[in-house]
Amino acid sequence: MSYVEMPGAKVPIRMWADPATIEGSALQQLQNVATLPWIKGLAVMPDVHYGKGATVGSVIAMHGAVCPAAVGVDIGCGMSAVRTSLTANDLPGDLSRLRSKIEQAIPVGRGMHDSPVDPGRLHGFGTSGWDGFWGRFDGVAEAVKFREERATKQMGTLGSGNHFVEVCTDTTGSVWLMLHSGSRNIGKELAEFHIGVAQKLPHNQGLVDRDLAVFVADTPQMAAYRNDLFWAQEYAKYNRTIMMALLKDVIRREFKKAKPTFEPEISAHHNYVAEERYDGMDLLVTRKGAIRAGSGEYGIIPGSMGTGSYIVKGLGNEKAFNSASHGAGRRMSRNAAKRRYTTKDLEEQTQGVECRKDSGVVDEIPGAYKPIEQVIDQQRDLVEVVAKLKQVVCVKG
């Protein structure tokens, strides 16, 4: 589909979604964002749903300003995927051992490593820039600096909620590795700290929603936020790279006879800020639940823990600020999913997938998400499909 344009106070709202299917609270948030004095454009992805301040599934372009809530609190959250030389025929009938080995290698939930991961011991992991990255931690907000030990031990860990590690097969039988995670608790704490700072600034006092507080260019508050933001985005990227290295090591050990090899990784943030230029103007583009989909750029759009995912290539649609959706998007809240579904429903909807099927992950049941095929179909002018994946192992936080 092509986009639908709705009027907004300062800019039109371009929607790659059917407005009739979007909950009223999310539509109101979009209208609120369109009132911001600094806004230059707003694109809405087909997986859009209600979030804090700004909807999940929105791309907001502003000149000389950035809204921390339009990035999301899990700064740098995103996906990584890699195709292996293994095929479906290499996989054992019982995948429970493989899932167990992955869970042993990569801490999940609130878990962390007993001691920080040494990147030097990881197969093929580049260590250049690593010391410089941790050295820059001294420059982040004093309010969260005391978390350094926790931040180092959480590097290379999954987290909880909708974060996952998967082993998948595509329609040709190739085996893929995929994971979804972000900047762990350190990114969340940095985000919440800066949102609190922004809300107290004088220029934000008349906003329709205090959660849309912004930092403006050439101020010390903006400089401090940008420093911490870009550090947290880098943390998230390192976190996924280390987890993928740990996951590859598991695959090497478990499939020693097959001598697996790995293609270059595809990696994409979907909660982040980028400096981009459109119509001759330098803009700060925030993608909250959206990936960059510039012409020829690879991206990952996951479904749910039972429905599979897509590897895509961007078409470079500037009307959407070169963006696409970050996943299927929730169609009901976590609490609503827990009220509606049971563990029996979860078992039925994840049939054929080696994964947790207990009450602790009922809120992640496929039925709580929008149909991924529909979401892909609604953005045919944003991306083209390269591969369709179906998970056989899913490790949840």
Protein backbone atom coordinates (compact mmCIF):
# COMPACT_ATOMS: atom_id res chain seq x y z
CA MET A 1 0.00 0.00 0.00
CA SER A 2 1.04 3.61 -0.35
CA TYR A 3 0.67 5.92 2.60
CA VAL A 4 -2.46 7.66 3.84
CA GLU A 5 -2.01 11.29 4.81
CA MET A 6 -3.82 12.75 7.78
CA PRO A 7 -3.73 16.43 8.72
CA GLY A 8 -1.61 17.45 11.72
CA ALA A 9 -1.13 20.79 13.45
CA LYS A 10 2.38 21.49 12.12
CA VAL A 11 2.99 18.70 9.60
CA PRO A 12 0.87 16.10 7.82
CA ILE A 13 0.93 12.59 9.32
CA ARG A 14 1.94 10.03 6.70
CA MET A 15 0.61 6.61 7.66
CA TRP A 16 1.62 3.23 6.26
CA ALA A 17 -1.22 1.78 8.32
CA ASP A 18 -4.99 1.77 8.20
CA PRO A 19 -6.09 4.55 10.59
CA ALA A 20 -9.23 2.54 11.40
CA THR A 21 -7.11 -0.21 12.96
CA ILE A 22 -5.09 2.10 15.24
CA GLU A 23 -6.27 2.53 18.82
CA GLY A 24 -7.54 5.99 19.71
CA SER A 25 -4.83 6.59 22.30
CA ALA A 26 -2.13 6.05 19.67
CA LEU A 27 -3.86 8.35 17.17
CA GLN A 28 -3.98 11.03 19.85
CA GLN A 29 -0.26 10.61 20.49
CA LEU A 30 0.44 11.11 16.78
CA GLN A 31 -1.62 14.29 16.78
CA ASN A 32 0.27 15.46 19.88
CA VAL A 33 3.64 14.89 18.20
CA ALA A 34 2.47 16.86 15.16
CA THR A 35 2.01 19.95 17.39
CA LEU A 36 5.69 20.19 18.38
CA PRO A 37 7.18 23.50 17.16
CA TRP A 38 10.40 21.84 15.93
CA ILE A 39 8.80 19.04 13.90
CA LYS A 40 9.48 18.76 10.17
CA GLY A 41 7.89 15.40 9.41
CA LEU A 42 6.10 12.38 10.88
CA ALA A 43 5.88 8.92 9.31
CA VAL A 44 3.84 6.11 10.86
CA MET A 45 4.72 2.46 10.34
CA PRO A 46 2.20 -0.40 9.98
CA ASP A 47 3.17 -1.86 13.38
CA VAL A 48 2.23 1.38 15.19
CA HIS A 49 0.80 1.16 18.70
CA TYR A 50 0.56 3.20 21.89
CA GLY A 51 3.79 4.03 23.74
CA LYS A 52 5.10 6.46 26.33
CA GLY A 53 4.85 9.98 24.91
CA ALA A 54 5.34 8.93 21.29
CA THR A 55 3.88 5.82 19.67
CA VAL A 56 5.96 2.76 18.98
CA GLY A 57 6.25 2.55 15.20
CA SER A 58 6.78 6.23 14.44
CA VAL A 59 9.54 8.18 12.68
CA ILE A 60 9.85 11.78 13.83
CA ALA A 61 12.07 14.28 12.04
CA MET A 62 12.90 17.52 13.86
CA HIS A 63 15.18 20.46 13.15
CA GLY A 64 17.38 21.61 16.00
CA ALA A 65 15.64 19.48 18.60
CA VAL A 66 15.24 15.91 19.79
CA CYS A 67 12.61 14.26 21.99
CA PRO A 68 14.02 11.52 24.27
CA ALA A 69 10.63 9.80 24.59
CA ALA A 70 10.51 9.55 20.79
CA VAL A 71 13.60 7.33 20.98
CA GLY A 72 12.23 5.00 23.65
CA VAL A 73 13.78 4.04 26.95
CA ASP A 74 15.65 1.02 25.55
CA ILE A 75 18.10 3.18 23.62
CA GLY A 76 19.62 1.36 20.65
CA CYS A 77 17.34 -1.66 20.87
CA GLY A 78 17.52 -3.60 17.65
CA MET A 79 18.14 -6.83 15.79
CA SER A 80 21.03 -8.88 14.43
CA ALA A 81 20.83 -11.84 12.07
CA VAL A 82 23.29 -14.06 10.23
CA ARG A 83 22.87 -16.89 7.74
CA THR A 84 24.94 -20.00 8.44
CA SER A 85 26.21 -22.79 6.21
CA LEU A 86 24.01 -25.26 8.12
CA THR A 87 20.75 -26.55 6.66
CA ALA A 88 17.60 -27.85 8.25
CA ASN A 89 18.90 -31.39 7.67
CA ASP A 90 21.79 -30.69 10.05
CA LEU A 91 19.42 -29.98 12.95
CA PRO A 92 18.59 -32.77 15.43
CA GLY A 93 15.00 -33.88 15.96
CA ASP A 94 15.14 -32.84 19.61
CA LEU A 95 16.25 -29.20 19.92
CA SER A 96 15.96 -28.95 23.70
CA ARG A 97 19.73 -29.47 24.22
CA LEU A 98 20.54 -26.65 21.76
CA ARG A 99 18.15 -24.30 23.52
CA SER A 100 19.70 -25.22 26.89
CA LYS A 101 23.23 -24.55 25.61
CA ILE A 102 22.19 -21.12 24.29
CA GLU A 103 20.61 -20.24 27.65
CA GLN A 104 23.82 -21.29 29.43
CA ALA A 105 25.97 -19.09 27.17
CA ILE A 106 23.76 -15.98 27.14
CA PRO A 107 22.18 -14.78 30.41
CA VAL A 108 18.48 -13.94 30.05
CA GLY A 109 15.98 -11.86 32.02
CA ARG A 110 17.78 -9.86 34.69
CA GLY A 111 20.72 -12.22 34.58
CA MET A 112 24.27 -11.06 33.92
CA HIS A 113 27.70 -12.58 33.44
CA ASP A 114 29.66 -13.44 36.60
CA SER A 115 32.48 -11.28 35.26
CA PRO A 116 32.62 -9.01 32.19
CA VAL A 117 32.98 -10.84 28.88
CA ASP A 118 36.51 -10.61 27.49
CA PRO A 119 36.00 -9.84 23.78
CA GLY A 120 39.52 -11.07 23.10
CA ARG A 121 38.44 -14.66 23.75
CA LEU A 122 35.51 -14.50 21.30
CA HIS A 123 36.05 -16.05 17.90
CA GLY A 124 36.35 -13.36 15.24
CA PHE A 125 35.26 -10.51 17.50
CA GLY A 126 37.02 -7.25 16.69
CA THR A 127 38.38 -5.59 19.83
CA SER A 128 39.45 -2.29 18.27
CA GLY A 129 37.74 0.66 19.92
CA TRP A 130 36.66 -1.40 22.90
CA ASP A 131 38.85 0.39 25.45
CA GLY A 132 37.88 3.76 24.02
CA PHE A 133 34.21 2.88 24.32
CA TRP A 134 34.47 2.05 28.03
CA GLY A 135 36.70 5.08 28.56
CA ARG A 136 33.89 7.31 27.34
CA PHE A 137 31.68 5.95 30.14
CA ASP A 138 33.40 8.50 32.40
CA GLY A 139 31.58 11.21 30.47
CA VAL A 140 28.01 10.00 30.95
CA ALA A 141 25.52 11.40 33.43
CA GLU A 142 26.73 11.31 37.03
CA ALA A 143 23.32 9.99 38.09
CA VAL A 144 23.97 6.58 36.49
CA LYS A 145 27.78 6.36 36.52
CA PHE A 146 27.73 4.26 39.68
CA ARG A 147 26.16 1.48 37.57
CA GLU A 148 29.44 0.77 35.76
CA GLU A 149 30.01 -2.68 37.27
CA ARG A 150 26.48 -3.74 36.40
CA ALA A 151 26.78 -2.29 32.90
CA THR A 152 29.99 -4.24 32.21
CA LYS A 153 28.49 -7.53 33.48
CA GLN A 154 25.26 -7.02 31.51
CA MET A 155 27.18 -6.51 28.26
CA GLY A 156 26.39 -9.61 26.21
CA THR A 157 23.06 -10.41 27.91
CA LEU A 158 19.55 -10.67 26.52
CA GLY A 159 17.16 -8.98 28.92
CA SER A 160 13.45 -9.76 29.17
CA GLY A 161 10.12 -8.78 27.59
CA ASN A 162 10.12 -9.17 23.82
CA HIS A 163 13.89 -9.75 23.59
CA PHE A 164 14.88 -13.12 22.15
CA VAL A 165 17.53 -15.35 20.61
CA GLU A 166 16.38 -17.63 17.80
CA VAL A 167 17.60 -20.36 15.50
CA CYS A 168 15.55 -20.21 12.30
CA THR A 169 15.30 -21.80 8.88
CA ASP A 170 14.39 -19.99 5.68
CA THR A 171 12.32 -21.25 2.74
CA THR A 172 15.45 -22.73 1.09
CA GLY A 173 16.36 -24.71 4.23
CA SER A 174 19.27 -22.50 5.31
CA VAL A 175 19.73 -22.07 9.07
CA TRP A 176 19.86 -18.52 10.44
CA LEU A 177 20.76 -17.11 13.84
CA MET A 178 18.85 -14.07 15.04
CA LEU A 179 18.60 -12.00 18.20
CA HIS A 180 16.81 -8.95 19.55
CA SER A 181 18.12 -6.83 22.42
CA GLY A 182 19.24 -3.33 23.36
CA SER A 183 21.28 -1.31 25.85
CA ARG A 184 20.03 -3.24 28.87
CA ASN A 185 19.37 -1.36 32.10
CA ILE A 186 22.09 1.25 31.61
CA GLY A 187 20.37 2.62 28.48
CA LYS A 188 17.02 2.67 30.26
CA GLU A 189 18.42 4.60 33.21
CA LEU A 190 20.15 7.12 30.96
CA ALA A 191 16.91 7.62 29.01
CA GLU A 192 14.79 8.11 32.13
CA PHE A 193 17.33 10.52 33.62
CA HIS A 194 17.36 12.74 30.53
CA ILE A 195 13.57 12.64 30.09
CA GLY A 196 13.37 13.97 33.66
CA VAL A 197 15.83 16.77 32.84
CA ALA A 198 13.93 17.73 29.68
CA GLN A 199 10.59 17.90 31.46
CA LYS A 200 11.90 20.67 33.75
CA LEU A 201 13.15 22.96 30.97
CA PRO A 202 11.18 26.20 30.45
CA HIS A 203 10.51 25.71 26.73
CA ASN A 204 8.69 22.43 27.47
CA GLN A 205 6.16 23.78 29.95
CA GLY A 206 3.37 24.47 27.45
CA LEU A 207 3.44 21.12 25.61
CA VAL A 208 0.25 19.08 25.23
CA ASP A 209 2.06 16.08 26.77
CA ARG A 210 4.95 16.51 29.21
CA ASP A 211 6.41 13.21 27.96
CA LEU A 212 7.14 14.95 24.65
CA ALA A 213 9.70 17.26 26.28
CA VAL A 214 12.61 18.03 23.96
CA PHE A 215 16.19 19.22 24.07
CA VAL A 216 17.06 22.05 21.68
CA ALA A 217 20.28 22.62 19.79
CA ASP A 218 23.21 24.58 21.20
CA THR A 219 22.31 23.98 24.85
CA PRO A 220 24.33 22.11 27.47
CA GLN A 221 21.36 19.78 28.10
CA MET A 222 21.25 18.78 24.42
CA ALA A 223 25.01 18.21 24.38
CA ALA A 224 24.83 16.01 27.48
CA TYR A 225 21.92 14.00 26.07
CA ARG A 226 23.58 13.47 22.69
CA ASN A 227 26.75 12.26 24.41
CA ASP A 228 24.86 9.69 26.52
CA LEU A 229 22.48 8.76 23.70
CA PHE A 230 25.21 7.89 21.22
CA TRP A 231 27.17 6.03 23.90
CA ALA A 232 24.09 3.94 24.76
CA GLN A 233 23.42 3.24 21.08
CA GLU A 234 26.98 1.95 20.77
CA TYR A 235 26.51 -0.13 23.94
CA ALA A 236 23.45 -1.77 22.36
CA LYS A 237 25.37 -2.57 19.17
CA TYR A 238 28.29 -4.07 21.15
CA ASN A 239 25.80 -6.02 23.28
CA ARG A 240 24.27 -7.68 20.22
CA THR A 241 27.67 -8.30 18.62
CA ILE A 242 28.95 -10.07 21.74
CA MET A 243 25.78 -12.15 22.07
CA MET A 244 26.03 -13.17 18.42
CA ALA A 245 29.67 -14.21 18.98
CA LEU A 246 28.61 -16.28 22.01
CA LEU A 247 25.77 -17.81 19.97
CA LYS A 248 28.12 -18.69 17.09
CA ASP A 249 30.44 -20.42 19.57
CA VAL A 250 27.53 -22.56 20.76
CA ILE A 251 26.72 -23.49 17.16
CA ARG A 252 30.36 -24.35 16.43
CA ARG A 253 30.50 -26.68 19.44
CA GLU A 254 27.12 -28.32 18.88
CA PHE A 255 27.64 -28.87 15.14
CA LYS A 256 31.37 -29.59 15.18
CA LYS A 257 31.19 -32.22 12.43
CA ALA A 258 29.39 -29.86 10.05
CA LYS A 259 32.06 -27.16 10.54
CA PRO A 260 29.58 -24.28 10.25
CA THR A 261 30.56 -20.98 8.67
CA PHE A 262 28.73 -17.66 8.92
CA GLU A 263 27.89 -14.94 6.44
CA PRO A 264 28.34 -11.25 7.38
CA GLU A 265 25.90 -10.10 10.07
CA ILE A 266 22.91 -7.93 9.36
CA SER A 267 22.36 -5.46 12.20
CA ALA A 268 19.76 -2.74 12.66
CA HIS A 269 18.81 -0.43 15.50
CA HIS A 270 15.10 0.28 15.87
CA ASN A 271 15.07 2.70 18.85
CA TYR A 272 17.56 5.42 18.00
CA VAL A 273 18.44 8.86 16.66
CA ALA A 274 20.28 9.59 13.42
CA GLU A 275 21.46 12.82 11.80
CA GLU A 276 20.06 12.81 8.27
CA ARG A 277 19.44 15.34 5.51
CA TYR A 278 16.13 15.77 3.68
CA ASP A 279 15.08 18.52 1.28
CA GLY A 280 18.31 20.39 1.93
CA MET A 281 17.81 20.47 5.71
CA ASP A 282 19.82 18.71 8.43
CA LEU A 283 17.37 16.88 10.67
CA LEU A 284 17.48 14.72 13.77
CA VAL A 285 15.43 11.65 12.90
CA THR A 286 14.17 9.50 15.77
CA ARG A 287 12.99 6.01 14.99
CA LYS A 288 11.03 4.44 17.83
CA GLY A 289 10.08 0.97 16.73
CA ALA A 290 11.28 1.57 13.17
CA ILE A 291 14.36 0.62 11.15
CA ARG A 292 16.28 2.60 8.58
CA ALA A 293 15.42 1.31 5.10
CA GLY A 294 17.60 3.35 2.75
CA SER A 295 17.99 2.06 -0.80
CA GLY A 296 19.71 -1.34 -0.69
CA GLU A 297 20.12 -1.37 3.11
CA TYR A 298 19.36 -4.68 4.80
CA GLY A 299 16.97 -4.82 7.73
CA ILE A 300 15.18 -7.31 9.96
CA ILE A 301 11.44 -7.30 10.68
CA PRO A 302 10.50 -9.99 13.24
CA GLY A 303 7.03 -11.35 13.88
CA SER A 304 6.32 -13.12 17.15
CA MET A 305 7.71 -16.22 18.88
CA GLY A 306 5.61 -18.53 16.73
CA THR A 307 5.14 -16.81 13.37
CA GLY A 308 8.58 -16.13 11.88
CA SER A 309 10.43 -13.07 10.61
CA TYR A 310 11.59 -11.32 7.45
CA ILE A 311 14.96 -10.18 6.15
CA VAL A 312 14.30 -7.15 3.96
CA LYS A 313 16.11 -4.67 1.75
CA GLY A 314 15.18 -0.99 1.86
CA LEU A 315 13.73 0.84 -1.13
CA GLY A 316 14.81 4.30 0.04
CA ASN A 317 11.38 5.93 0.31
CA GLU A 318 12.06 9.50 1.46
CA LYS A 319 8.37 10.12 2.22
CA ALA A 320 8.94 7.69 5.12
CA PHE A 321 12.37 9.17 5.87
CA ASN A 322 13.93 5.96 4.50
CA SER A 323 12.26 3.86 7.20
CA ALA A 324 10.23 0.69 7.71
CA SER A 325 8.54 -1.13 10.58
CA HIS A 326 10.56 -2.86 13.30
CA GLY A 327 8.29 -5.88 13.71
CA ALA A 328 4.70 -7.03 13.81
CA GLY A 329 3.76 -4.64 16.60
CA ARG A 330 1.49 -5.45 19.52
CA ARG A 331 -2.26 -5.48 19.05
CA MET A 332 -2.94 -5.82 22.76
CA SER A 333 -1.12 -4.89 25.95
CA ARG A 334 0.79 -7.40 28.04
CA ASN A 335 -1.89 -7.36 30.74
CA ALA A 336 -4.65 -7.85 28.16
CA ALA A 337 -2.76 -10.83 26.70
CA LYS A 338 -2.42 -12.40 30.15
CA ARG A 339 -6.14 -11.99 30.76
CA ARG A 340 -7.13 -13.43 27.40
CA TYR A 341 -4.70 -16.30 26.86
CA THR A 342 -3.60 -19.39 28.79
CA THR A 343 -0.50 -21.58 28.69
CA LYS A 344 -2.54 -24.04 26.62
CA ASP A 345 -3.08 -21.30 24.02
CA LEU A 346 0.66 -20.61 24.10
CA GLU A 347 1.46 -24.27 23.50
CA GLU A 348 -0.90 -24.35 20.52
CA GLN A 349 0.41 -21.13 18.98
CA THR A 350 4.09 -22.12 19.35
CA GLN A 351 3.69 -25.69 18.12
CA GLY A 352 6.90 -26.91 16.49
CA VAL A 353 9.07 -24.31 18.25
CA GLU A 354 11.46 -25.32 21.03
CA CYS A 355 10.76 -22.53 23.54
CA ARG A 356 9.35 -21.66 26.95
CA LYS A 357 5.64 -22.43 27.15
CA ASP A 358 4.96 -21.32 30.74
CA SER A 359 2.85 -18.54 32.23
CA GLY A 360 5.88 -16.23 32.39
CA VAL A 361 5.81 -15.68 28.62
CA VAL A 362 2.05 -15.75 27.92
CA ASP A 363 2.23 -11.98 27.34
CA GLU A 364 4.52 -12.74 24.37
CA ILE A 365 2.05 -15.15 22.74
CA PRO A 366 1.74 -14.73 18.95
CA GLY A 367 -1.93 -13.79 19.32
CA ALA A 368 -0.91 -10.60 21.13
CA TYR A 369 0.81 -9.34 17.96
CA LYS A 370 -0.43 -8.10 14.61
CA PRO A 371 -0.15 -10.59 11.71
CA ILE A 372 3.38 -10.15 10.36
CA GLU A 373 2.36 -10.91 6.74
CA GLN A 374 -0.15 -8.05 6.85
CA VAL A 375 2.47 -5.69 8.29
CA ILE A 376 4.91 -6.61 5.51
CA ASP A 377 2.21 -6.16 2.85
CA GLN A 378 1.44 -2.64 4.08
CA GLN A 379 5.01 -1.47 3.39
CA ARG A 380 5.73 -2.86 -0.06
CA ASP A 381 6.83 0.62 -1.13
CA LEU A 382 9.31 0.77 1.78
CA VAL A 383 11.07 -2.61 1.60
CA GLU A 384 11.41 -5.72 -0.51
CA VAL A 385 11.54 -9.17 1.08
CA VAL A 386 14.87 -10.99 0.80
CA ALA A 387 14.14 -14.02 2.99
CA LYS A 388 11.34 -15.37 5.14
CA LEU A 389 12.46 -17.13 8.32
CA LYS A 390 10.65 -19.50 10.69
CA GLN A 391 12.07 -20.11 14.14
CA VAL A 392 12.72 -23.64 15.38
CA VAL A 393 14.33 -22.53 18.66
CA CYS A 394 13.29 -19.40 20.56
CA VAL A 395 15.02 -18.32 23.78
CA LYS A 396 13.00 -15.69 25.66
CA GLY A 397 14.04 -13.53 28.57
